[in-house]
Protein backbone atom coordinates (compact mmCIF):
# COMPACT_ATOMS: atom_id res chain seq x y z
CA UNK A 1 5.52 -2.57 -5.85
CA UNK A 2 8.96 -3.70 -4.79
CA UNK A 3 10.67 -7.11 -4.71
CA UNK A 4 9.16 -10.36 -5.97
CA UNK A 5 5.60 -11.13 -4.87
CA UNK A 6 6.73 -14.58 -3.70
CA UNK A 7 9.07 -13.03 -1.11
CA UNK A 8 8.17 -11.56 2.29
CA UNK A 9 9.64 -8.23 1.11
CA UNK A 10 7.07 -7.47 -1.59
CA UNK A 11 5.91 -3.90 -0.86
CA UNK A 12 3.99 -0.90 -2.15
CA UNK A 13 5.94 1.88 -3.82
CA UNK A 14 4.72 5.36 -4.75
CA UNK A 15 4.96 7.34 -7.96
CA UNK A 16 3.77 10.95 -7.97
CA UNK A 17 3.57 13.83 -10.41
CA UNK A 18 3.14 17.53 -9.78
CA UNK A 19 -0.35 18.94 -10.21
CA UNK A 20 -0.85 20.26 -13.72
CA UNK A 21 2.13 18.39 -15.17
CA UNK A 22 1.90 16.32 -18.32
CA UNK A 23 1.37 12.82 -16.94
CA UNK A 24 2.24 11.28 -20.31
CA UNK A 25 5.81 12.55 -19.96
CA UNK A 26 7.81 9.94 -17.97
CA UNK A 27 10.17 12.69 -16.79
CA UNK A 28 7.37 14.26 -14.73
CA UNK A 29 7.01 11.24 -12.45
CA UNK A 30 8.87 10.95 -9.14
CA UNK A 31 9.49 7.63 -7.38
CA UNK A 32 9.60 7.50 -3.56
CA UNK A 33 13.00 6.33 -2.32
CA UNK A 34 11.49 3.76 0.06
CA UNK A 35 8.32 1.64 -0.07
CA UNK A 36 5.31 3.41 1.46
CA UNK A 37 3.81 0.14 2.75
CA UNK A 38 5.84 -2.95 3.55
CA UNK A 39 5.86 -6.07 5.68
CA UNK A 40 5.46 -5.99 9.45
CA UNK A 41 7.07 -8.98 11.10
CA UNK A 42 5.75 -7.79 14.48
CA UNK A 43 2.15 -7.86 13.16
CA UNK A 44 2.59 -11.08 11.19
CA UNK A 45 2.03 -9.46 7.79
CA UNK A 46 4.30 -10.32 4.88
CA UNK A 47 4.26 -9.47 1.16
CA UNK A 48 1.64 -6.68 1.20
CA UNK A 49 0.76 -5.64 -2.33
CA UNK A 50 -1.76 -4.99 -5.10
CA UNK A 51 -3.41 -1.99 -3.51
CA UNK A 52 -6.72 -0.37 -4.49
CA UNK A 53 -8.50 2.61 -2.89
CA UNK A 54 -12.16 2.46 -1.80
CA UNK A 55 -14.50 5.09 -0.35
CA UNK A 56 -16.75 4.28 2.60
CA UNK A 57 -20.46 3.87 1.79
CA UNK A 58 -21.12 7.54 2.61
CA UNK A 59 -17.82 8.73 1.05
CA UNK A 60 -16.71 10.30 4.34
CA UNK A 61 -13.65 8.05 4.68
CA UNK A 62 -11.22 6.27 2.38
CA UNK A 63 -9.89 2.76 2.76
CA UNK A 64 -7.42 0.63 0.87
CA UNK A 65 -7.59 -3.05 0.13
CA UNK A 66 -4.45 -5.11 -0.40
CA UNK A 67 -3.23 -8.66 -0.06
CA UNK A 68 -0.80 -10.05 2.49
CA UNK A 69 0.49 -13.31 3.92
CA UNK A 70 0.50 -14.41 7.55
CA UNK A 71 3.78 -16.35 7.15
CA UNK A 72 6.86 -15.15 5.24
CA UNK A 73 7.07 -17.30 2.11
CA UNK A 74 4.70 -18.80 -0.42
CA UNK A 75 1.62 -19.01 1.82
CA UNK A 76 -1.69 -18.02 0.24
CA UNK A 77 -2.39 -14.29 0.22
CA UNK A 78 -5.48 -13.01 1.99
CA UNK A 79 -7.32 -9.75 1.26
CA UNK A 80 -7.04 -7.07 3.95
CA UNK A 81 -8.63 -3.65 4.42
CA UNK A 82 -7.30 -0.60 6.29
CA UNK A 83 -8.28 3.03 6.70
CA UNK A 84 -6.37 5.50 4.52
CA UNK A 85 -5.09 8.83 5.83
CA UNK A 86 -3.66 11.80 3.94
CA UNK A 87 -0.88 14.31 4.53
CA UNK A 88 -1.56 18.06 4.36
CA UNK A 89 -0.12 17.94 0.81
CA UNK A 90 -2.62 15.27 -0.27
CA UNK A 91 -0.23 12.30 -0.22
CA UNK A 92 -1.54 8.94 1.02
CA UNK A 93 -0.40 7.64 4.41
CA UNK A 94 -0.81 3.89 4.52
CA UNK A 95 0.84 3.28 7.89
CA UNK A 96 1.78 -0.25 8.94
CA UNK A 97 -0.02 -3.46 7.96
CA UNK A 98 -2.29 -4.53 10.80
CA UNK A 99 -2.57 -8.09 12.13
CA UNK A 100 -4.97 -10.31 10.18
CA UNK A 101 -7.88 -10.30 12.65
CA UNK A 102 -7.82 -6.56 13.47
CA UNK A 103 -11.32 -5.05 13.35
């Protein structure tokens, strides 16, 4: 995560390690230069964070749950759920936070 969770700029970062590498060695981890999921002023979503991945009931799709605010600062966070996509290399694509009442 990036920035303070009380600010509208709280975001999701990404750490990755090469397949087969020793994950206990800190030198094997790579940090993305930019957040992979951050606020969307246009969609009224601020401070997205605390992500967890969930399979659909039949395991055919993956989703992620996170929290976000509908106003920039210090409002209560609400849980939100979105569909997860993957790149050809197996990296998660979170996209843009959707408006609160998106089905």
